[in-house]
Amino acid sequence: MGVEVPKPSATAKWGYWKFMRQVGEFAKASAVIYHDEHKQITRCAIGALGRQPLLLHNPEKIFDGTLTPANAIKESLPDRDFAEMTMHVTAIERALSIARNRSEPGK
């Protein structure tokens, strides 16, 4: 079994962040964002939900700032208690900051 992953363009940006209490433990919250303007692909996912990771709705709006991470989570997980999702909101914000501030796109 294998997975084929397309090569990102030279301008692709990404960021990843996870919270854990100490090194080696499972994450309490995690987020990843990938934005490839050239290929018109944007993805944003959160993990550490007690299930498989979740791709959030409207990742382009999350990346460009027209949709806040908090509202993105509320839209994608309307039945979840928002108070327990605050670490996930912060994880998205930090992953976004990393992606937007990469001095070398794609790295």
Foldseek 3Di string as FASTA:
>chain_A
DDDDDDDADQQKFKFKDFDDPDPPDDTCKIKMWIDRPVVGDIWIWMDNPVDHIDTWPPRVCCLVVVAQLLNRCCVRCVPDDSVSCPVHSVNSVRGSVRRVPDPGHPD
